[in-house]
C-alpha atoms as a PDB file:
ATOM      1  CA  MET A   1     -21.669  -4.609   5.449  1.00  0.00           C
ATOM      2  CA  VAL A   2     -20.274  -8.744   5.564  1.00  0.00           C
ATOM      3  CA  GLU A   3     -23.323  -9.871   3.726  1.00  0.00           C
ATOM      4  CA  LEU A   4     -23.283  -7.401   1.250  1.00  0.00           C
ATOM      5  CA  GLY A   5     -19.834  -7.248   0.730  1.00  0.00           C
ATOM      6  CA  ARG A   6     -19.507 -10.875  -0.061  1.00  0.00           C
ATOM      7  CA  GLU A   7     -22.742 -10.588  -2.677  1.00  0.00           C
ATOM      8  CA  ILE A   8     -21.156  -8.109  -4.457  1.00  0.00           C
ATOM      9  CA  VAL A   9     -18.069  -9.678  -4.552  1.00  0.00           C
ATOM     10  CA  ARG A  10     -19.791 -12.914  -5.804  1.00  0.00           C
ATOM     11  CA  ALA A  11     -21.391 -11.258  -8.609  1.00  0.00           C
ATOM     12  CA  LEU A  12     -18.325  -9.097  -9.841  1.00  0.00           C
ATOM     13  CA  VAL A  13     -16.788 -12.716 -10.171  1.00  0.00           C
ATOM     14  CA  GLU A  14     -19.531 -13.998 -11.908  1.00  0.00           C
ATOM     15  CA  VAL A  15     -19.664 -10.934 -14.506  1.00  0.00           C
ATOM     16  CA  HIS A  16     -16.023 -10.383 -14.737  1.00  0.00           C
ATOM     17  CA  GLY A  17     -14.120 -13.301 -13.388  1.00  0.00           C
ATOM     18  CA  PRO A  18     -11.978 -13.297  -9.961  1.00  0.00           C
ATOM     19  CA  ALA A  19      -8.707 -12.129 -11.589  1.00  0.00           C
ATOM     20  CA  GLU A  20     -10.446  -9.011 -13.232  1.00  0.00           C
ATOM     21  CA  THR A  21     -12.537  -8.701  -9.503  1.00  0.00           C
ATOM     22  CA  VAL A  22      -8.986  -8.529  -7.577  1.00  0.00           C
ATOM     23  CA  ARG A  23      -7.345  -6.059 -10.282  1.00  0.00           C
ATOM     24  CA  ARG A  24     -10.055  -3.337  -9.318  1.00  0.00           C
ATOM     25  CA  PHE A  25      -8.775  -3.282  -5.550  1.00  0.00           C
ATOM     26  CA  SER A  26      -5.777  -1.798  -7.198  1.00  0.00           C
ATOM     27  CA  ASP A  27      -7.918   1.238  -7.845  1.00  0.00           C
ATOM     28  CA  PRO A  28      -8.427   3.545  -4.849  1.00  0.00           C
ATOM     29  CA  CYS A  29     -11.200   5.491  -6.485  1.00  0.00           C
ATOM     30  CA  TRP A  30     -13.235   1.973  -6.693  1.00  0.00           C
ATOM     31  CA  LEU A  31     -12.309   0.836  -3.429  1.00  0.00           C
ATOM     32  CA  THR A  32     -13.560   4.114  -1.976  1.00  0.00           C
ATOM     33  CA  ALA A  33     -16.582   3.984  -3.763  1.00  0.00           C
ATOM     34  CA  LEU A  34     -17.412  -0.011  -2.599  1.00  0.00           C
ATOM     35  CA  ALA A  35     -16.541   1.326   1.090  1.00  0.00           C
ATOM     36  CA  CYS A  36     -19.475   3.904   0.129  1.00  0.00           C
ATOM     37  CA  VAL A  37     -21.622   1.553  -1.301  1.00  0.00           C
ATOM     38  CA  LEU A  38     -21.005  -1.111   2.402  1.00  0.00           C
ATOM     39  CA  GLY A  39     -22.250   2.080   4.407  1.00  0.00           C
ATOM     40  CA  PHE A  40     -19.297   4.684   4.343  1.00  0.00           C
ATOM     41  CA  GLU A  41     -18.999   8.103   3.554  1.00  0.00           C
ATOM     42  CA  TRP A  42     -16.116   8.808   1.545  1.00  0.00           C
ATOM     43  CA  ASN A  43     -13.922  10.493   4.051  1.00  0.00           C
ATOM     44  CA  THR A  44     -15.167   8.410   7.172  1.00  0.00           C
ATOM     45  CA  SER A  45     -12.186   7.097   9.274  1.00  0.00           C
ATOM     46  CA  GLY A  46     -11.943   3.503   9.297  1.00  0.00           C
ATOM     47  CA  GLN A  47     -13.243   3.347   5.602  1.00  0.00           C
ATOM     48  CA  THR A  48     -10.502   1.039   4.206  1.00  0.00           C
ATOM     49  CA  THR A  49      -9.598  -1.159   7.529  1.00  0.00           C
ATOM     50  CA  VAL A  50     -13.378  -1.959   8.456  1.00  0.00           C
ATOM     51  CA  THR A  51     -14.635  -2.490   4.576  1.00  0.00           C
ATOM     52  CA  LEU A  52     -11.726  -5.119   3.768  1.00  0.00           C
ATOM     53  CA  LYS A  53     -11.946  -6.386   7.379  1.00  0.00           C
ATOM     54  CA  ALA A  54     -16.013  -7.359   6.181  1.00  0.00           C
ATOM     55  CA  LEU A  55     -14.858  -8.605   3.110  1.00  0.00           C
ATOM     56  CA  LYS A  56     -12.185 -10.728   4.355  1.00  0.00           C
ATOM     57  CA  VAL A  57     -14.665 -12.316   7.068  1.00  0.00           C
ATOM     58  CA  GLY A  58     -17.562 -12.458   4.284  1.00  0.00           C
ATOM     59  CA  LEU A  59     -15.271 -14.486   1.778  1.00  0.00           C
ATOM     60  CA  GLN A  60     -13.881 -16.938   4.347  1.00  0.00           C
ATOM     61  CA  GLU A  61     -14.619 -20.588   3.649  1.00  0.00           C
ATOM     62  CA  ARG A  62     -17.146 -19.778   0.899  1.00  0.00           C
ATOM     63  CA  ASP A  63     -17.115 -20.759  -3.080  1.00  0.00           C
ATOM     64  CA  ILE A  64     -16.283 -17.854  -4.081  1.00  0.00           C
ATOM     65  CA  PRO A  65     -12.322 -18.221  -5.681  1.00  0.00           C
ATOM     66  CA  VAL A  66     -11.700 -15.090  -4.025  1.00  0.00           C
ATOM     67  CA  ARG A  67      -9.572 -14.397  -0.675  1.00  0.00           C
ATOM     68  CA  ILE A  68      -8.314 -11.416   1.430  1.00  0.00           C
ATOM     69  CA  VAL A  69      -5.280 -12.132   4.283  1.00  0.00           C
ATOM     70  CA  GLY A  70      -3.575  -9.798   6.643  1.00  0.00           C
ATOM     71  CA  GLY A  71      -4.878  -7.019   8.309  1.00  0.00           C
ATOM     72  CA  LYS A  72      -4.596  -4.155  11.073  1.00  0.00           C
ATOM     73  CA  GLY A  73      -1.793  -4.304  13.565  1.00  0.00           C
ATOM     74  CA  GLU A  74      -1.005  -7.945  14.844  1.00  0.00           C
ATOM     75  CA  GLU A  75      -2.625  -9.154  11.765  1.00  0.00           C
ATOM     76  CA  MET A  76      -0.201  -8.203   9.319  1.00  0.00           C
ATOM     77  CA  ARG A  77       2.183 -10.719  10.599  1.00  0.00           C
ATOM     78  CA  TRP A  78      -0.366 -12.950   9.897  1.00  0.00           C
ATOM     79  CA  VAL A  79       0.114 -13.113   5.971  1.00  0.00           C
ATOM     80  CA  PRO A  80       2.223 -16.256   5.616  1.00  0.00           C
ATOM     81  CA  TYR A  81       0.102 -18.502   7.536  1.00  0.00           C
ATOM     82  CA  GLU A  82      -3.248 -17.069   6.527  1.00  0.00           C
ATOM     83  CA  ALA A  83      -1.775 -17.532   2.684  1.00  0.00           C
ATOM     84  CA  GLY A  84      -0.465 -21.130   2.986  1.00  0.00           C
ATOM     85  CA  HIS A  85      -4.090 -22.094   4.922  1.00  0.00           C
ATOM     86  CA  GLN A  86      -6.659 -19.698   3.049  1.00  0.00           C
ATOM     87  CA  LEU A  87      -5.121 -19.453  -0.497  1.00  0.00           C
ATOM     88  CA  ARG A  88      -4.680 -23.352  -1.254  1.00  0.00           C
ATOM     89  CA  LYS A  89      -8.347 -23.576  -0.760  1.00  0.00           C
ATOM     90  CA  ILE A  90      -8.745 -21.552  -3.692  1.00  0.00           C
ATOM     91  CA  GLY A  91      -6.309 -23.589  -5.923  1.00  0.00           C
ATOM     92  CA  VAL A  92      -3.385 -21.461  -5.158  1.00  0.00           C
ATOM     93  CA  GLU A  93      -0.397 -24.008  -4.267  1.00  0.00           C
ATOM     94  CA  ASP A  94       2.651 -22.070  -4.644  1.00  0.00           C
ATOM     95  CA  VAL A  95       2.354 -19.113  -1.979  1.00  0.00           C
ATOM     96  CA  GLY A  96       5.854 -18.561  -1.688  1.00  0.00           C
ATOM     97  CA  GLU A  97       6.368 -15.682  -4.325  1.00  0.00           C
ATOM     98  CA  LEU A  98       2.851 -14.323  -2.741  1.00  0.00           C
ATOM     99  CA  ILE A  99       4.623 -14.149   0.827  1.00  0.00           C
ATOM    100  CA  SER A 100       7.682 -12.289  -0.757  1.00  0.00           C
ATOM    101  CA  ALA A 101       5.470  -9.531  -2.579  1.00  0.00           C
ATOM    102  CA  SER A 102       3.494  -9.386   0.714  1.00  0.00           C
ATOM    103  CA  ARG A 103       6.991  -8.577   2.958  1.00  0.00           C
ATOM    104  CA  LEU A 104       8.586  -6.315   0.379  1.00  0.00           C
ATOM    105  CA  THR A 105       5.280  -3.962  -0.368  1.00  0.00           C
ATOM    106  CA  CYS A 106       5.239  -3.266   3.384  1.00  0.00           C
ATOM    107  CA  SER A 107       9.103  -2.764   3.458  1.00  0.00           C
ATOM    108  CA  VAL A 108       9.155  -0.160   0.565  1.00  0.00           C
ATOM    109  CA  ASP A 109       5.870   1.651   2.086  1.00  0.00           C
ATOM    110  CA  GLU A 110       7.574   1.819   5.198  1.00  0.00           C
ATOM    111  CA  SER A 111      11.149   2.832   4.336  1.00  0.00           C
ATOM    112  CA  ALA A 112      11.632   3.366   0.551  1.00  0.00           C
ATOM    113  CA  ILE A 113       9.349   6.112   0.866  1.00  0.00           C
ATOM    114  CA  GLN A 114       9.401   8.499   4.056  1.00  0.00           C
ATOM    115  CA  ASP A 115       6.823  10.686   4.147  1.00  0.00           C
ATOM    116  CA  SER A 116       5.900  10.532   8.182  1.00  0.00           C
ATOM    117  CA  TYR A 117       3.099   7.664   7.531  1.00  0.00           C
ATOM    118  CA  ARG A 118       4.203   4.369   9.626  1.00  0.00           C
ATOM    119  CA  ILE A 119       2.424   1.242   8.145  1.00  0.00           C
ATOM    120  CA  TYR A 120      -0.323  -0.358  10.449  1.00  0.00           C
ATOM    121  CA  PHE A 121      -2.537  -2.089   7.656  1.00  0.00           C
ATOM    122  CA  HIS A 122      -1.607  -4.668   5.416  1.00  0.00           C
ATOM    123  CA  THR A 123      -3.948  -6.601   3.058  1.00  0.00           C
ATOM    124  CA  MET A 124      -3.505  -8.894   0.360  1.00  0.00           C
ATOM    125  CA  ILE A 125      -6.476  -9.837  -2.350  1.00  0.00           C
ATOM    126  CA  VAL A 126      -5.688 -12.675  -4.152  1.00  0.00           C
ATOM    127  CA  ALA A 127      -7.802 -14.513  -6.867  1.00  0.00           C
ATOM    128  CA  GLU A 128      -7.634 -18.314  -7.857  1.00  0.00           C
ATOM    129  CA  GLY A 129      -5.037 -17.721 -10.704  1.00  0.00           C
ATOM    130  CA  GLY A 130      -2.759 -16.039  -8.295  1.00  0.00           C
ATOM    131  CA  THR A 131      -3.775 -12.468  -9.375  1.00  0.00           C
ATOM    132  CA  TRP A 132      -3.014  -9.901  -6.498  1.00  0.00           C
ATOM    133  CA  VAL A 133      -3.546  -6.659  -5.076  1.00  0.00           C
ATOM    134  CA  VAL A 134      -1.984  -4.994  -1.940  1.00  0.00           C
ATOM    135  CA  VAL A 135      -3.448  -2.218  -0.011  1.00  0.00           C
ATOM    136  CA  ASN A 136      -1.092  -0.712   2.592  1.00  0.00           C
ATOM    137  CA  GLN A 137      -2.362   2.113   4.845  1.00  0.00           C
ATOM    138  CA  GLY A 138      -0.301   4.010   7.100  1.00  0.00           C
ATOM    139  CA  MET A 139      -0.915   6.396   9.657  1.00  0.00           C
ATOM    140  CA  ASN A 140       0.663  10.062  10.636  1.00  0.00           C
ATOM    141  CA  VAL A 141       0.350  10.309  14.772  1.00  0.00           C
ATOM    142  CA  ASP A 142       1.094  13.646  14.741  1.00  0.00           C
ATOM    143  CA  ASP A 143      -2.216  15.093  12.710  1.00  0.00           C
ATOM    144  CA  ARG A 144      -4.044  11.572  12.830  1.00  0.00           C
ATOM    145  CA  THR A 145      -4.376  11.498   8.966  1.00  0.00           C
ATOM    146  CA  ALA A 146      -3.922   8.564   6.831  1.00  0.00           C
ATOM    147  CA  ARG A 147      -2.204   7.546   3.478  1.00  0.00           C
ATOM    148  CA  ARG A 148      -3.367   4.315   1.442  1.00  0.00           C
ATOM    149  CA  TYR A 149      -1.144   2.674  -0.898  1.00  0.00           C
ATOM    150  CA  HIS A 150      -2.276   0.598  -3.578  1.00  0.00           C
ATOM    151  CA  TRP A 151       0.004  -2.182  -5.491  1.00  0.00           C
ATOM    152  CA  SER A 152      -0.902  -4.793  -8.440  1.00  0.00           C
ATOM    153  CA  SER A 153       0.442  -7.898  -9.515  1.00  0.00           C
ATOM    154  CA  GLU A 154       0.213  -6.543 -12.938  1.00  0.00           C
ATOM    155  CA  LYS A 155       2.998  -4.135 -12.117  1.00  0.00           C
ATOM    156  CA  GLY A 156       4.536  -6.680  -9.671  1.00  0.00           C
ATOM    157  CA  ALA A 157       6.261  -6.420  -6.552  1.00  0.00           C
ATOM    158  CA  GLY A 158       9.145  -3.680  -7.427  1.00  0.00           C
ATOM    159  CA  VAL A 159      11.242  -0.854  -5.907  1.00  0.00           C
ATOM    160  CA  GLN A 160      11.126   1.753  -9.129  1.00  0.00           C
ATOM    161  CA  GLU A 161       7.508   3.467  -9.140  1.00  0.00           C
ATOM    162  CA  PRO A 162       5.687   0.122  -8.367  1.00  0.00           C
ATOM    163  CA  HIS A 163       2.579   1.725  -7.169  1.00  0.00           C
ATOM    164  CA  THR A 164      -0.966   1.690  -9.230  1.00  0.00           C
ATOM    165  CA  SER A 165      -1.734   4.746  -6.848  1.00  0.00           C
ATOM    166  CA  ILE A 166      -1.318   6.146  -3.834  1.00  0.00           C
ATOM    167  CA  LEU A 167      -4.403   8.195  -2.020  1.00  0.00           C
ATOM    168  CA  ALA A 168      -3.897  10.796   0.682  1.00  0.00           C
ATOM    169  CA  GLU A 169      -5.997  13.587   2.518  1.00  0.00           C
ATOM    170  CA  ARG A 170      -2.502  15.919   1.965  1.00  0.00           C
ATOM    171  CA  GLU A 171       0.710  16.097   0.209  1.00  0.00           C
ATOM    172  CA  ARG A 172       3.999  16.419   2.211  1.00  0.00           C
ATOM    173  CA  GLU A 173       6.254  19.298   1.082  1.00  0.00           C
ATOM    174  CA  CYS A 174       9.160  16.990   1.664  1.00  0.00           C
ATOM    175  CA  VAL A 175       9.542  13.456   1.245  1.00  0.00           C
ATOM    176  CA  LEU A 176      12.122  11.122   0.665  1.00  0.00           C
ATOM    177  CA  ASP A 177      10.958   8.793  -2.179  1.00  0.00           C
ATOM    178  CA  LEU A 178      13.704   5.995  -3.042  1.00  0.00           C
ATOM    179  CA  THR A 179      11.204   4.417  -5.362  1.00  0.00           C
ATOM    180  CA  SER A 180      11.563   7.426  -7.931  1.00  0.00           C
ATOM    181  CA  ALA A 181      12.911   6.733 -11.168  1.00  0.00           C
ATOM    182  CA  LEU A 182      15.285  10.024  -9.959  1.00  0.00           C
ATOM    183  CA  SER A 183      16.543   8.094  -7.325  1.00  0.00           C
ATOM    184  CA  THR A 184      17.644   5.134  -9.239  1.00  0.00           C
ATOM    185  CA  GLN A 185      21.679   6.228  -8.783  1.00  0.00           C
ATOM    186  CA  THR A 186      21.165   7.012  -4.791  1.00  0.00           C
ATOM    187  CA  ARG A 187      19.654   3.275  -4.783  1.00  0.00           C
ATOM    188  CA  LYS A 188      22.363   1.727  -6.244  1.00  0.00           C
ATOM    189  CA  VAL A 189      24.992   3.782  -4.542  1.00  0.00           C
ATOM    190  CA  MET A 190      23.513   2.960  -1.194  1.00  0.00           C
ATOM    191  CA  VAL A 191      24.519  -0.913  -2.213  1.00  0.00           C
ATOM    192  CA  GLU A 192      27.479   0.178  -2.912  1.00  0.00           C
ATOM    193  CA  ILE A 193      28.357   1.910  -0.010  1.00  0.00           C
ATOM    194  CA  LEU A 194      27.556  -1.381   2.101  1.00  0.00           C
ATOM    195  CA  GLY A 195      29.737  -3.426   0.102  1.00  0.00           C
ATOM    196  CA  ASP A 196      32.839  -1.117  -0.132  1.00  0.00           C
ATOM    197  CA  THR A 197      32.795   0.580   3.040  1.00  0.00           C
ATOM    198  CA  PRO A 198      33.691  -0.251   6.527  1.00  0.00           C
ATOM    199  CA  PRO A 199      30.984   0.141   8.953  1.00  0.00           C
ATOM    200  CA  SER A 200      33.001   2.383  11.173  1.00  0.00           C
ATOM    201  CA  ARG A 201      33.648   4.716   8.032  1.00  0.00           C
ATOM    202  CA  ILE A 202      29.945   4.793   7.143  1.00  0.00           C
ATOM    203  CA  LYS A 203      29.184   5.673  10.784  1.00  0.00           C
ATOM    204  CA  GLU A 204      31.758   8.870  10.385  1.00  0.00           C
ATOM    205  CA  ASP A 205      29.897   9.623   6.956  1.00  0.00           C
ATOM    206  CA  LEU A 206      26.683   9.933   9.020  1.00  0.00           C
ATOM    207  CA  ALA A 207      28.193  12.593  11.447  1.00  0.00           C
ATOM    208  CA  GLN A 208      29.406  14.461   8.617  1.00  0.00           C
ATOM    209  CA  VAL A 209      25.881  14.441   7.229  1.00  0.00           C
ATOM    210  CA  LYS A 210      24.844  15.744  10.338  1.00  0.00           C
ATOM    211  CA  ALA A 211      27.166  18.618  10.289  1.00  0.00           C
ATOM    212  CA  ILE A 212      26.092  19.505   6.736  1.00  0.00           C
ATOM    213  CA  LEU A 213      22.542  19.461   7.546  1.00  0.00           C
ATOM    214  CA  LYS A 214      22.990  21.895  10.455  1.00  0.00           C
ATOM    215  CA  SER A 215      24.953  24.112   8.854  1.00  0.00           C
ATOM    216  CA  GLN A 216      23.466  23.778   5.602  1.00  0.00           C
ATOM    217  CA  ARG A 217      26.555  24.401   3.826  1.00  0.00           C
ATOM    218  CA  LEU A 218      30.009  22.981   3.360  1.00  0.00           C
ATOM    219  CA  LEU A 219      32.052  24.092   0.598  1.00  0.00           C
ATOM    220  CA  ASP A 220      31.302  21.795  -2.434  1.00  0.00           C
ATOM    221  CA  LYS A 221      28.238  19.837  -1.067  1.00  0.00           C
ATOM    222  CA  ASP A 222      24.758  21.262  -2.592  1.00  0.00           C
ATOM    223  CA  ILE A 223      21.784  20.730  -0.269  1.00  0.00           C
ATOM    224  CA  PRO A 224      18.769  19.326  -2.088  1.00  0.00           C
ATOM    225  CA  PRO A 225      16.156  22.489  -2.512  1.00  0.00           C
ATOM    226  CA  GLU A 226      13.267  20.484  -0.217  1.00  0.00           C
ATOM    227  CA  LEU A 227      15.915  20.033   2.443  1.00  0.00           C
ATOM    228  CA  ALA A 228      17.729  23.920   2.398  1.00  0.00           C
ATOM    229  CA  ARG A 229      14.556  25.169   4.256  1.00  0.00           C
ATOM    230  CA  SER A 230      14.516  22.963   6.778  1.00  0.00           C
ATOM    231  CA  VAL A 231      14.195  19.179   7.383  1.00  0.00           C
ATOM    232  CA  PRO A 232      11.303  17.748   8.774  1.00  0.00           C
ATOM    233  CA  SER A 233      11.294  15.635  11.852  1.00  0.00           C
ATOM    234  CA  TYR A 234      10.208  12.557  10.131  1.00  0.00           C
ATOM    235  CA  LEU A 235      13.317  12.860   7.976  1.00  0.00           C
ATOM    236  CA  ALA A 236      15.745  13.638  10.450  1.00  0.00           C
ATOM    237  CA  PRO A 237      18.937  11.713  10.154  1.00  0.00           C
ATOM    238  CA  PRO A 238      19.372   8.870  12.482  1.00  0.00           C
ATOM    239  CA  THR A 239      21.280   9.322  15.588  1.00  0.00           C
ATOM    240  CA  THR A 240      23.484   6.368  14.782  1.00  0.00           C
ATOM    241  CA  LEU A 241      23.731   3.116  12.856  1.00  0.00           C
ATOM    242  CA  ASP A 242      24.553   0.125  14.142  1.00  0.00           C
ATOM    243  CA  GLU A 243      27.642  -1.799  13.184  1.00  0.00           C
ATOM    244  CA  GLU A 244      26.457  -5.592  13.512  1.00  0.00           C
ATOM    245  CA  THR A 245      23.441  -4.621  11.228  1.00  0.00           C
ATOM    246  CA  LEU A 246      25.831  -3.417   8.434  1.00  0.00           C
ATOM    247  CA  ARG A 247      28.215  -6.006   8.609  1.00  0.00           C
ATOM    248  CA  ARG A 248      25.214  -8.194   8.244  1.00  0.00           C
ATOM    249  CA  VAL A 249      23.889  -6.422   4.665  1.00  0.00           C
ATOM    250  CA  LYS A 250      27.464  -6.055   3.589  1.00  0.00           C
ATOM    251  CA  SER A 251      26.859  -8.657   0.658  1.00  0.00           C
ATOM    252  CA  VAL A 252      23.386  -7.722  -0.229  1.00  0.00           C
ATOM    253  CA  GLY A 253      23.046  -7.688  -4.263  1.00  0.00           C
ATOM    254  CA  GLU A 254      20.548  -4.968  -4.661  1.00  0.00           C
ATOM    255  CA  PHE A 255      18.399  -2.336  -3.064  1.00  0.00           C
ATOM    256  CA  LYS A 256      15.165  -4.551  -2.616  1.00  0.00           C
ATOM    257  CA  GLU A 257      17.388  -7.237  -0.779  1.00  0.00           C
ATOM    258  CA  LEU A 258      18.601  -4.296   1.793  1.00  0.00           C
ATOM    259  CA  LEU A 259      14.942  -3.657   2.716  1.00  0.00           C
ATOM    260  CA  VAL A 260      13.993  -7.091   3.481  1.00  0.00           C
ATOM    261  CA  ALA A 261      17.050  -7.997   5.740  1.00  0.00           C
ATOM    262  CA  ARG A 262      16.899  -8.539   9.284  1.00  0.00           C
ATOM    263  CA  GLY A 263      17.183  -5.432  11.223  1.00  0.00           C
ATOM    264  CA  ILE A 264      17.157  -2.927   8.265  1.00  0.00           C
ATOM    265  CA  GLY A 265      14.550  -0.220   9.174  1.00  0.00           C
ATOM    266  CA  PRO A 266      13.714   3.450   7.889  1.00  0.00           C
ATOM    267  CA  ALA A 267      16.303   4.759  10.112  1.00  0.00           C
ATOM    268  CA  THR A 268      19.249   2.868   8.587  1.00  0.00           C
ATOM    269  CA  ILE A 269      17.651   3.459   4.768  1.00  0.00           C
ATOM    270  CA  ARG A 270      17.503   6.985   5.728  1.00  0.00           C
ATOM    271  CA  GLY A 271      20.975   7.491   7.028  1.00  0.00           C
ATOM    272  CA  LEU A 272      22.466   5.503   4.018  1.00  0.00           C
ATOM    273  CA  ALA A 273      20.274   7.805   1.599  1.00  0.00           C
ATOM    274  CA  TYR A 274      21.565  10.985   3.365  1.00  0.00           C
ATOM    275  CA  ILE A 275      25.195   9.166   2.897  1.00  0.00           C
ATOM    276  CA  SER A 276      24.660   8.434  -0.530  1.00  0.00           C
ATOM    277  CA  CYS A 277      23.463  11.888  -1.363  1.00  0.00           C
ATOM    278  CA  LEU A 278      25.784  14.300   0.632  1.00  0.00           C
ATOM    279  CA  ILE A 279      28.528  12.567   0.998  1.00  0.00           C
ATOM    280  CA  TYR A 280      28.822  10.499  -2.426  1.00  0.00           C
ATOM    281  CA  GLY A 281      26.821  13.346  -4.348  1.00  0.00           C
ATOM    282  CA  SER A 282      23.859  10.779  -5.936  1.00  0.00           C
ATOM    283  CA  LYS A 283      20.692  12.037  -6.875  1.00  0.00           C
ATOM    284  CA  ALA A 284      17.479  11.127  -5.333  1.00  0.00           C
ATOM    285  CA  SER A 285      13.739  12.600  -5.259  1.00  0.00           C
ATOM    286  CA  TRP A 286      12.339  14.731  -2.153  1.00  0.00           C
ATOM    287  CA  ARG A 287       8.989  15.135  -4.159  1.00  0.00           C
ATOM    288  CA  ASP A 288       5.781  13.469  -2.369  1.00  0.00           C
ATOM    289  CA  PRO A 289       4.998  10.401  -4.796  1.00  0.00           C
ATOM    290  CA  VAL A 290       1.058  10.795  -3.905  1.00  0.00           C
ATOM    291  CA  LYS A 291      -0.841  10.597  -6.939  1.00  0.00           C
ATOM    292  CA  PHE A 292      -4.264  11.752  -5.477  1.00  0.00           C
ATOM    293  CA  ALA A 293      -5.861  13.488  -2.446  1.00  0.00           C
ATOM    294  CA  TYR A 294      -9.020  14.446  -1.378  1.00  0.00           C
ATOM    295  CA  ALA A 295     -10.217  17.332   0.844  1.00  0.00           C
ATOM    296  CA  HIS A 296     -12.289  17.172   4.030  1.00  0.00           C
ATOM    297  CA  GLY A 297     -16.136  17.068   3.970  1.00  0.00           C
ATOM    298  CA  THR A 298     -18.981  15.612   6.344  1.00  0.00           C
ATOM    299  CA  LYS A 299     -18.917  13.204   9.096  1.00  0.00           C
ATOM    300  CA  SER A 300     -20.566  10.338   9.614  1.00  0.00           C
ATOM    301  CA  GLY A 301     -24.514   9.811  10.308  1.00  0.00           C
ATOM    302  CA  ARG A 302     -24.909  13.034   7.947  1.00  0.00           C
ATOM    303  CA  PRO A 303     -27.570  13.311   6.361  1.00  0.00           C
ATOM    304  CA  TYR A 304     -28.413  10.023   7.852  1.00  0.00           C
ATOM    305  CA  TYR A 305     -27.110   6.506   9.276  1.00  0.00           C
ATOM    306  CA  VAL A 306     -27.146   3.595   7.024  1.00  0.00           C
ATOM    307  CA  ASP A 307     -30.308   1.323   6.676  1.00  0.00           C
ATOM    308  CA  ARG A 308     -28.957  -2.176   7.459  1.00  0.00           C
ATOM    309  CA  ARG A 309     -32.338  -3.878   6.283  1.00  0.00           C
ATOM    310  CA  ALA A 310     -32.076  -2.263   2.900  1.00  0.00           C
ATOM    311  CA  MET A 311     -28.339  -3.326   2.640  1.00  0.00           C
ATOM    312  CA  LEU A 312     -29.385  -7.276   3.604  1.00  0.00           C
ATOM    313  CA  GLU A 313     -31.852  -6.947   0.667  1.00  0.00           C
ATOM    314  CA  HIS A 314     -29.925  -5.802  -1.780  1.00  0.00           C
ATOM    315  CA  ALA A 315     -27.112  -8.444  -0.902  1.00  0.00           C
ATOM    316  CA  ARG A 316     -30.259 -11.307  -1.030  1.00  0.00           C
ATOM    317  CA  ILE A 317     -31.116  -9.828  -4.621  1.00  0.00           C
ATOM    318  CA  LEU A 318     -27.453 -10.074  -5.963  1.00  0.00           C
ATOM    319  CA  ARG A 319     -27.066 -13.589  -4.384  1.00  0.00           C
ATOM    320  CA  ASP A 320     -30.451 -14.555  -6.407  1.00  0.00           C
ATOM    321  CA  ALA A 321     -29.473 -13.120  -9.541  1.00  0.00           C
ATOM    322  CA  VAL A 322     -25.819 -14.737  -9.206  1.00  0.00           C
ATOM    323  CA  LEU A 323     -27.462 -18.064  -8.477  1.00  0.00           C
ATOM    324  CA  GLN A 324     -30.160 -18.235 -11.203  1.00  0.00           C
ATOM    325  CA  ALA A 325     -27.664 -16.734 -13.619  1.00  0.00           C
ATOM    326  CA  ARG A 326     -25.741 -20.102 -13.135  1.00  0.00           C
ATOM    327  CA  LEU A 327     -28.895 -22.000 -13.625  1.00  0.00           C
ATOM    328  CA  ARG A 328     -28.864 -20.254 -17.129  1.00  0.00           C
ATOM    329  CA  ASP A 329     -31.331 -17.908 -16.199  1.00  0.00           C
ATOM    330  CA  HIS A 330     -29.326 -14.437 -17.171  1.00  0.00           C
ATOM    331  CA  GLU A 331     -32.465 -12.120 -16.844  1.00  0.00           C
ATOM    332  CA  LYS A 332     -31.805 -10.684 -13.742  1.00  0.00           C
ATOM    333  CA  ILE A 333     -27.792 -10.397 -14.339  1.00  0.00           C
ATOM    334  CA  GLN A 334     -28.745  -8.208 -17.688  1.00  0.00           C
ATOM    335  CA  ALA A 335     -31.508  -6.367 -15.538  1.00  0.00           C
ATOM    336  CA  ILE A 336     -28.292  -5.056 -13.295  1.00  0.00           C
ATOM    337  CA  ARG A 337     -26.394  -4.258 -16.146  1.00  0.00           C
ATOM    338  CA  ARG A 338     -28.999  -2.546 -18.075  1.00  0.00           C
ATOM    339  CA  LEU A 339     -29.676  -0.397 -14.719  1.00  0.00           C
ATOM    340  CA  SER A 340     -25.721  -0.076 -14.412  1.00  0.00           C
ATOM    341  CA  ALA A 341     -25.871   1.803 -17.964  1.00  0.00           C
ATOM    342  CA  LEU A 342     -28.762   3.699 -17.634  1.00  0.00           C
ATOM    343  CA  VAL A 343     -27.399   5.107 -14.217  1.00  0.00           C
ATOM    344  CA  SER A 344     -24.039   5.714 -16.391  1.00  0.00           C
ATOM    345  CA  ASP A 345     -25.728   7.889 -18.751  1.00  0.00           C
ATOM    346  CA  GLN A 346     -27.784   9.848 -16.411  1.00  0.00           C
ATOM    347  CA  VAL A 347     -24.508  10.661 -14.261  1.00  0.00           C
ATOM    348  CA  PRO A 348     -23.072  14.122 -15.571  1.00  0.00           C
ATOM    349  CA  GLY A 349     -19.369  13.657 -16.732  1.00  0.00           C
END
């Protein structure tokens, strides 16, 4: 996987350039197809984490102007160090903006979208000109399903509908989606509550929220239809809110500042969102923002396991084609293009 993945990226950079090569990682279907070329079946566990890890290793210390930083678990926290070390090798001098984007994308997918998935994998794919793509993956520990979140520098690191796509195995019936345009008012009210309301009063409001949700009615209070049936465990209001944390974020100017503030996590964001909606009457989206879902299929090894020898041979062919193209011998690259066009014409639409 390391050898073949590296040569595929090398060929893509040679034909399309580093920025376009990186941009393709923002397409979840393209990344799944790449993983399949590297030996995975389309629904195999570890497809995202292993594929991107193999590419990360394959691209290190090479002359290919693309790098991958971050990874699974503890490696998520390595992004600032790896960005400063690896990205300067491909000419990216100012990594501060990339590090900020890395942090915000994780916070959005962990806290602004509360869909029962906890982020455990985070990578940033970066080209020499600074073009970047983020791929985050979350896990639902109860049913062991995964969800993949794709970001691109073309859309930027924002808080309103910022993803290029979200890939999931299933759609959740109820999700708190503060990235939706429908949640604009709630994002604003949450910041205003922090600035205008004493922490002790915010905690009292949270207690009232629990009473509303428990009885599912309170005179003039309307329960969102998605919550009127039942509140999923992952959307249960927090037990309490920490007053010291609330004081620390009292002066935040906008929602994305709140997301990345020290001590702020999903529970605090969820509590403030409930207060905003149920006490102050703001509107928010409770619909799952997933854009594409896939069903279950066959498992690894069927109908056969990968042919490692063939993968290495294909890597050699790609590497030789690129090297010869650099020597003004474009015949192999042109042959690969013609073969690609021929296959595309023969595959049913």
